[in-house]
Amino acid sequence: MSYRRDNRPSRSSLVDGFDSLEEGGLRASSSYSREINEQDNDKAMETLHDKVSFLKRLTGDIHEEVESHNQLLDRVGNKMDASRGMMMGTMDRFKKVFEKKSARKTCSYVGYFTLAFIFIYYLIRILGYFTLG
């Protein structure tokens, strides 16, 4: 024999609890739940307002940082343009110097003299190290 047991409560047992409530009690519980929902909504609104305020301050700080970086980049760009102009002027002067054969010969002599001076300087230092040591 199989006994089927119905675990679902009957419809009448669900409604029985409402019969015992007074009409005013039902209204009071719905206004109480509405008050709780309003309090929850107010808390959520305050939390949301705090988050929005934080994000607004954060975006303001980011904006200020971006503006300061843009100003810095503008200054760096202007200085780079100025140095580029100076380098172009220097290169133009070098071109003018090396266009003439006599000037090129003079620059070659200065270069050779500088290399010879450096070679002699290190030679004297090495010989002085061995004689004193």
N, C-alpha and C. Protein backbone atom coordinates (compact mmCIF):
# COMPACT_ATOMS: atom_id res chain seq x y z
N MET A 1 0.81 -1.17 0.00
CA MET A 1 0.00 0.00 0.00
C MET A 1 0.86 1.24 0.00
N SER A 2 0.49 2.07 -0.85
CA SER A 2 1.28 3.29 -0.88
C SER A 2 0.39 4.43 -0.41
N TYR A 3 0.90 5.09 0.53
CA TYR A 3 0.19 6.25 1.05
C TYR A 3 0.79 7.50 0.46
N ARG A 4 -0.02 8.25 -0.16
CA ARG A 4 0.45 9.54 -0.69
C ARG A 4 0.17 10.60 0.33
N ARG A 5 1.20 11.30 0.57
CA ARG A 5 1.04 12.36 1.54
C ARG A 5 1.22 13.68 0.82
N ASP A 6 0.33 14.56 0.98
CA ASP A 6 0.39 15.86 0.32
C ASP A 6 1.08 16.83 1.26
N ASN A 7 2.28 17.31 0.85
CA ASN A 7 3.04 18.22 1.70
C ASN A 7 2.61 19.66 1.52
N ARG A 8 1.80 19.93 0.53
CA ARG A 8 1.36 21.30 0.31
C ARG A 8 0.28 21.66 1.31
N PRO A 9 0.38 22.85 1.89
CA PRO A 9 -0.69 23.25 2.80
C PRO A 9 -1.94 23.58 2.01
N SER A 10 -3.03 23.37 2.65
CA SER A 10 -4.28 23.63 1.95
C SER A 10 -4.51 25.13 1.85
N ARG A 11 -5.31 25.49 0.91
CA ARG A 11 -5.60 26.89 0.66
C ARG A 11 -6.30 27.53 1.86
N SER A 12 -7.09 26.80 2.48
CA SER A 12 -7.83 27.35 3.62
C SER A 12 -6.91 27.64 4.79
N SER A 13 -5.86 26.83 4.96
CA SER A 13 -4.93 27.09 6.07
C SER A 13 -4.12 28.35 5.82
N LEU A 14 -3.86 28.73 4.58
CA LEU A 14 -3.15 29.96 4.28
C LEU A 14 -4.00 31.19 4.58
N VAL A 15 -5.27 31.06 4.32
CA VAL A 15 -6.17 32.19 4.49
C VAL A 15 -6.63 32.31 5.93
N ASP A 16 -6.53 31.24 6.71
CA ASP A 16 -7.01 31.26 8.09
C ASP A 16 -6.32 32.33 8.92
N GLY A 17 -5.04 32.57 8.70
CA GLY A 17 -4.32 33.57 9.47
C GLY A 17 -4.84 34.96 9.20
N PHE A 18 -5.33 35.24 8.04
CA PHE A 18 -5.83 36.57 7.70
C PHE A 18 -7.20 36.82 8.33
N ASP A 19 -7.93 35.77 8.55
CA ASP A 19 -9.26 35.95 9.14
C ASP A 19 -9.17 36.49 10.55
N SER A 20 -8.12 36.12 11.25
CA SER A 20 -8.00 36.55 12.64
C SER A 20 -7.51 37.98 12.76
N LEU A 21 -6.93 38.56 11.69
CA LEU A 21 -6.44 39.93 11.76
C LEU A 21 -7.58 40.91 11.68
N GLU A 22 -7.45 41.94 12.39
CA GLU A 22 -8.43 42.99 12.27
C GLU A 22 -8.10 43.83 11.07
N GLU A 23 -9.04 44.54 10.59
CA GLU A 23 -8.83 45.36 9.41
C GLU A 23 -7.79 46.45 9.67
N GLY A 24 -7.79 47.04 10.83
CA GLY A 24 -6.81 48.07 11.19
C GLY A 24 -5.41 47.51 11.32
N GLY A 25 -5.32 46.30 11.82
CA GLY A 25 -4.01 45.65 11.96
C GLY A 25 -3.36 45.41 10.62
N LEU A 26 -4.15 45.07 9.64
CA LEU A 26 -3.62 44.84 8.30
C LEU A 26 -3.11 46.14 7.70
N ARG A 27 -3.84 47.21 7.92
CA ARG A 27 -3.39 48.51 7.43
C ARG A 27 -2.11 48.95 8.13
N ALA A 28 -2.06 48.71 9.42
CA ALA A 28 -0.87 49.11 10.18
C ALA A 28 0.36 48.36 9.68
N SER A 29 0.23 47.09 9.39
CA SER A 29 1.39 46.33 8.93
C SER A 29 1.82 46.80 7.54
N SER A 30 0.88 47.17 6.66
CA SER A 30 1.28 47.64 5.34
C SER A 30 1.92 49.02 5.43
N SER A 31 1.42 49.89 6.33
CA SER A 31 2.06 51.21 6.47
C SER A 31 3.43 51.05 7.13
N TYR A 32 3.57 50.09 8.02
CA TYR A 32 4.85 49.82 8.65
C TYR A 32 5.87 49.35 7.61
N SER A 33 5.45 48.45 6.74
CA SER A 33 6.36 47.96 5.69
C SER A 33 6.70 49.08 4.71
N ARG A 34 5.72 49.96 4.45
CA ARG A 34 5.98 51.09 3.56
C ARG A 34 7.00 52.04 4.20
N GLU A 35 6.87 52.21 5.54
CA GLU A 35 7.81 53.07 6.26
C GLU A 35 9.22 52.47 6.23
N ILE A 36 9.30 51.16 6.38
CA ILE A 36 10.59 50.47 6.31
C ILE A 36 11.19 50.63 4.91
N ASN A 37 10.36 50.46 3.89
CA ASN A 37 10.84 50.62 2.51
C ASN A 37 11.31 52.05 2.27
N GLU A 38 10.60 53.02 2.82
CA GLU A 38 11.03 54.41 2.64
C GLU A 38 12.35 54.66 3.35
N GLN A 39 12.52 54.08 4.54
CA GLN A 39 13.79 54.22 5.26
C GLN A 39 14.92 53.57 4.47
N ASP A 40 14.66 52.39 3.93
CA ASP A 40 15.68 51.71 3.11
C ASP A 40 16.01 52.54 1.88
N ASN A 41 14.98 53.11 1.27
CA ASN A 41 15.21 53.96 0.09
C ASN A 41 16.00 55.20 0.47
N ASP A 42 15.68 55.79 1.63
CA ASP A 42 16.43 56.98 2.08
C ASP A 42 17.89 56.64 2.32
N LYS A 43 18.14 55.50 2.96
CA LYS A 43 19.53 55.07 3.19
C LYS A 43 20.25 54.83 1.87
N ALA A 44 19.55 54.18 0.95
CA ALA A 44 20.15 53.91 -0.36
C ALA A 44 20.43 55.21 -1.10
N MET A 45 19.51 56.17 -0.98
CA MET A 45 19.71 57.47 -1.63
C MET A 45 20.91 58.21 -1.03
N GLU A 46 21.04 58.16 0.31
CA GLU A 46 22.19 58.79 0.96
C GLU A 46 23.49 58.15 0.51
N THR A 47 23.50 56.82 0.46
CA THR A 47 24.69 56.10 0.00
C THR A 47 25.02 56.47 -1.44
N LEU A 48 23.99 56.51 -2.27
CA LEU A 48 24.19 56.88 -3.66
C LEU A 48 24.68 58.32 -3.78
N HIS A 49 24.13 59.21 -2.96
CA HIS A 49 24.56 60.61 -2.97
C HIS A 49 26.03 60.72 -2.57
N ASP A 50 26.44 59.96 -1.54
CA ASP A 50 27.84 59.97 -1.12
C ASP A 50 28.76 59.46 -2.23
N LYS A 51 28.33 58.40 -2.91
CA LYS A 51 29.15 57.85 -3.99
C LYS A 51 29.26 58.84 -5.15
N VAL A 52 28.14 59.49 -5.48
CA VAL A 52 28.15 60.47 -6.57
C VAL A 52 29.05 61.65 -6.19
N SER A 53 28.97 62.10 -4.93
CA SER A 53 29.83 63.20 -4.49
C SER A 53 31.29 62.81 -4.58
N PHE A 54 31.60 61.59 -4.16
CA PHE A 54 32.99 61.11 -4.24
C PHE A 54 33.46 61.08 -5.69
N LEU A 55 32.62 60.55 -6.58
CA LEU A 55 33.00 60.48 -7.99
C LEU A 55 33.16 61.88 -8.59
N LYS A 56 32.33 62.81 -8.16
CA LYS A 56 32.43 64.18 -8.66
C LYS A 56 33.75 64.81 -8.22
N ARG A 57 34.12 64.61 -6.95
CA ARG A 57 35.42 65.13 -6.47
C ARG A 57 36.57 64.45 -7.21
N LEU A 58 36.44 63.14 -7.42
CA LEU A 58 37.49 62.40 -8.11
C LEU A 58 37.67 62.89 -9.54
N THR A 59 36.57 63.09 -10.25
CA THR A 59 36.69 63.59 -11.63
C THR A 59 37.24 65.01 -11.64
N GLY A 60 36.90 65.82 -10.64
CA GLY A 60 37.47 67.16 -10.55
C GLY A 60 38.98 67.10 -10.34
N ASP A 61 39.43 66.19 -9.46
CA ASP A 61 40.86 66.03 -9.23
C ASP A 61 41.57 65.53 -10.49
N ILE A 62 40.94 64.60 -11.19
CA ILE A 62 41.53 64.10 -12.44
C ILE A 62 41.63 65.23 -13.46
N HIS A 63 40.59 66.05 -13.55
CA HIS A 63 40.60 67.17 -14.48
C HIS A 63 41.75 68.14 -14.16
N GLU A 64 41.92 68.47 -12.87
CA GLU A 64 43.01 69.36 -12.48
C GLU A 64 44.37 68.76 -12.83
N GLU A 65 44.51 67.45 -12.59
CA GLU A 65 45.78 66.77 -12.90
C GLU A 65 46.06 66.79 -14.39
N VAL A 66 45.04 66.55 -15.18
CA VAL A 66 45.21 66.56 -16.64
C VAL A 66 45.59 67.96 -17.11
N GLU A 67 44.95 68.99 -16.55
CA GLU A 67 45.27 70.37 -16.92
C GLU A 67 46.72 70.70 -16.58
N SER A 68 47.19 70.29 -15.39
CA SER A 68 48.58 70.58 -15.01
C SER A 68 49.55 69.83 -15.92
N HIS A 69 49.21 68.60 -16.29
CA HIS A 69 50.09 67.84 -17.20
C HIS A 69 50.11 68.47 -18.59
N ASN A 70 48.96 68.97 -19.05
CA ASN A 70 48.92 69.64 -20.35
C ASN A 70 49.79 70.89 -20.34
N GLN A 71 49.75 71.65 -19.25
CA GLN A 71 50.58 72.85 -19.15
C GLN A 71 52.06 72.46 -19.15
N LEU A 72 52.40 71.41 -18.41
CA LEU A 72 53.78 70.95 -18.38
C LEU A 72 54.24 70.50 -19.76
N LEU A 73 53.39 69.75 -20.46
CA LEU A 73 53.74 69.30 -21.81
C LEU A 73 53.89 70.48 -22.77
N ASP A 74 53.06 71.50 -22.61
CA ASP A 74 53.19 72.69 -23.45
C ASP A 74 54.53 73.38 -23.22
N ARG A 75 54.92 73.49 -21.94
CA ARG A 75 56.22 74.12 -21.63
C ARG A 75 57.37 73.30 -22.20
N VAL A 76 57.29 71.98 -22.05
CA VAL A 76 58.35 71.11 -22.58
C VAL A 76 58.40 71.24 -24.10
N GLY A 77 57.24 71.27 -24.75
CA GLY A 77 57.20 71.41 -26.21
C GLY A 77 57.81 72.73 -26.66
N ASN A 78 57.51 73.82 -25.93
CA ASN A 78 58.09 75.12 -26.29
C ASN A 78 59.59 75.12 -26.13
N LYS A 79 60.09 74.50 -25.05
CA LYS A 79 61.54 74.43 -24.84
C LYS A 79 62.21 73.56 -25.90
N MET A 80 61.52 72.48 -26.30
CA MET A 80 62.08 71.63 -27.36
C MET A 80 62.15 72.39 -28.68
N ASP A 81 61.13 73.19 -28.96
CA ASP A 81 61.15 74.00 -30.19
C ASP A 81 62.30 74.99 -30.16
N ALA A 82 62.52 75.62 -28.99
CA ALA A 82 63.61 76.58 -28.86
C ALA A 82 64.96 75.89 -29.04
N SER A 83 65.13 74.72 -28.42
CA SER A 83 66.41 74.01 -28.56
C SER A 83 66.60 73.52 -29.98
N ARG A 84 65.51 73.14 -30.65
CA ARG A 84 65.61 72.72 -32.04
C ARG A 84 66.09 73.89 -32.91
N GLY A 85 65.58 75.09 -32.62
CA GLY A 85 66.02 76.27 -33.35
C GLY A 85 67.50 76.55 -33.13
N MET A 86 67.95 76.40 -31.87
CA MET A 86 69.38 76.62 -31.59
C MET A 86 70.23 75.58 -32.31
N MET A 87 69.79 74.32 -32.31
CA MET A 87 70.56 73.27 -32.99
C MET A 87 70.61 73.51 -34.49
N MET A 88 69.51 73.97 -35.06
CA MET A 88 69.51 74.26 -36.50
C MET A 88 70.49 75.39 -36.81
N GLY A 89 70.51 76.42 -35.94
CA GLY A 89 71.47 77.51 -36.14
C GLY A 89 72.91 77.02 -36.05
N THR A 90 73.18 76.14 -35.11
CA THR A 90 74.53 75.58 -34.95
C THR A 90 74.91 74.75 -36.17
N MET A 91 73.97 73.95 -36.64
CA MET A 91 74.25 73.12 -37.82
C MET A 91 74.50 73.99 -39.05
N ASP A 92 73.74 75.06 -39.18
CA ASP A 92 73.97 75.98 -40.30
C ASP A 92 75.37 76.58 -40.23
N ARG A 93 75.81 76.95 -39.04
CA ARG A 93 77.16 77.51 -38.88
C ARG A 93 78.23 76.47 -39.22
N PHE A 94 78.03 75.22 -38.79
CA PHE A 94 78.98 74.17 -39.14
C PHE A 94 79.03 73.95 -40.65
N LYS A 95 77.89 73.99 -41.28
CA LYS A 95 77.86 73.82 -42.73
C LYS A 95 78.65 74.93 -43.41
N LYS A 96 78.47 76.17 -42.92
CA LYS A 96 79.20 77.29 -43.51
C LYS A 96 80.70 77.13 -43.31
N VAL A 97 81.10 76.64 -42.14
CA VAL A 97 82.54 76.47 -41.85
C VAL A 97 83.12 75.39 -42.75
N PHE A 98 82.42 74.30 -42.94
CA PHE A 98 82.98 73.18 -43.71
C PHE A 98 82.82 73.37 -45.21
N GLU A 99 82.14 74.40 -45.65
CA GLU A 99 82.03 74.65 -47.08
C GLU A 99 83.36 75.14 -47.66
N LYS A 100 84.13 75.83 -46.87
CA LYS A 100 85.42 76.34 -47.34
C LYS A 100 86.50 75.31 -47.03
N LYS A 101 87.43 75.11 -47.99
CA LYS A 101 88.50 74.13 -47.82
C LYS A 101 89.45 74.53 -46.71
N SER A 102 89.77 75.81 -46.61
CA SER A 102 90.73 76.25 -45.59
C SER A 102 90.15 76.06 -44.19
N ALA A 103 88.86 76.30 -44.04
CA ALA A 103 88.23 76.12 -42.75
C ALA A 103 88.18 74.63 -42.38
N ARG A 104 87.93 73.79 -43.38
CA ARG A 104 87.89 72.36 -43.13
C ARG A 104 89.29 71.87 -42.71
N LYS A 105 90.32 72.40 -43.36
CA LYS A 105 91.68 72.02 -43.02
C LYS A 105 92.03 72.46 -41.60
N THR A 106 91.58 73.67 -41.22
CA THR A 106 91.85 74.18 -39.88
C THR A 106 91.16 73.31 -38.84
N CYS A 107 89.91 72.92 -39.10
CA CYS A 107 89.18 72.06 -38.15
C CYS A 107 89.87 70.70 -38.04
N SER A 108 90.41 70.19 -39.13
CA SER A 108 91.13 68.92 -39.08
C SER A 108 92.36 69.04 -38.20
N TYR A 109 93.10 70.14 -38.35
CA TYR A 109 94.29 70.35 -37.52
C TYR A 109 93.93 70.45 -36.04
N VAL A 110 92.84 71.13 -35.74
CA VAL A 110 92.40 71.24 -34.33
C VAL A 110 92.05 69.86 -33.79
N GLY A 111 91.39 69.05 -34.57
CA GLY A 111 91.04 67.69 -34.14
C GLY A 111 92.27 66.83 -33.91
N TYR A 112 93.22 66.89 -34.83
CA TYR A 112 94.46 66.12 -34.67
C TYR A 112 95.23 66.57 -33.43
N PHE A 113 95.29 67.87 -33.23
CA PHE A 113 96.00 68.41 -32.07
C PHE A 113 95.34 67.92 -30.77
N THR A 114 94.03 67.93 -30.73
CA THR A 114 93.31 67.48 -29.53
C THR A 114 93.58 66.01 -29.27
N LEU A 115 93.55 65.18 -30.30
CA LEU A 115 93.84 63.76 -30.12
C LEU A 115 95.28 63.54 -29.67
N ALA A 116 96.21 64.28 -30.24
CA ALA A 116 97.62 64.14 -29.85
C ALA A 116 97.79 64.56 -28.39
N PHE A 117 97.12 65.63 -27.97
CA PHE A 117 97.23 66.09 -26.59
C PHE A 117 96.71 65.04 -25.62
N ILE A 118 95.59 64.44 -25.93
CA ILE A 118 95.00 63.42 -25.06
C ILE A 118 95.93 62.20 -25.00
N PHE A 119 96.51 61.80 -26.15
CA PHE A 119 97.42 60.66 -26.19
C PHE A 119 98.66 60.92 -25.32
N ILE A 120 99.24 62.10 -25.46
CA ILE A 120 100.44 62.45 -24.68
C ILE A 120 100.11 62.52 -23.19
N TYR A 121 98.96 63.05 -22.84
CA TYR A 121 98.55 63.16 -21.44
C TYR A 121 98.48 61.77 -20.79
N TYR A 122 97.79 60.83 -21.47
CA TYR A 122 97.70 59.48 -20.92
C TYR A 122 99.04 58.76 -20.92
N LEU A 123 99.89 59.03 -21.90
CA LEU A 123 101.22 58.42 -21.95
C LEU A 123 102.05 58.88 -20.75
N ILE A 124 101.98 60.17 -20.44
CA ILE A 124 102.73 60.70 -19.30
C ILE A 124 102.19 60.11 -17.99
N ARG A 125 100.88 59.98 -17.89
CA ARG A 125 100.29 59.40 -16.67
C ARG A 125 100.73 57.96 -16.48
N ILE A 126 100.77 57.18 -17.58
CA ILE A 126 101.16 55.77 -17.47
C ILE A 126 102.65 55.66 -17.13
N LEU A 127 103.48 56.46 -17.77
CA LEU A 127 104.92 56.42 -17.47
C LEU A 127 105.20 56.91 -16.03
N GLY A 128 104.47 57.92 -15.59
CA GLY A 128 104.64 58.40 -14.22
C GLY A 128 104.21 57.34 -13.20
N TYR A 129 103.25 56.55 -13.52
CA TYR A 129 102.78 55.50 -12.63
C TYR A 129 103.84 54.42 -12.48
N PHE A 130 104.50 54.06 -13.59
CA PHE A 130 105.52 53.00 -13.54
C PHE A 130 106.80 53.50 -12.86
N THR A 131 107.14 54.76 -13.02
CA THR A 131 108.39 55.25 -12.42
C THR A 131 108.24 55.49 -10.91
N LEU A 132 107.05 55.85 -10.47
CA LEU A 132 106.83 56.06 -9.05
C LEU A 132 106.52 54.77 -8.31
N GLY A 133 106.03 53.80 -9.02
CA GLY A 133 105.55 52.57 -8.40
C GLY A 133 106.60 51.60 -8.15
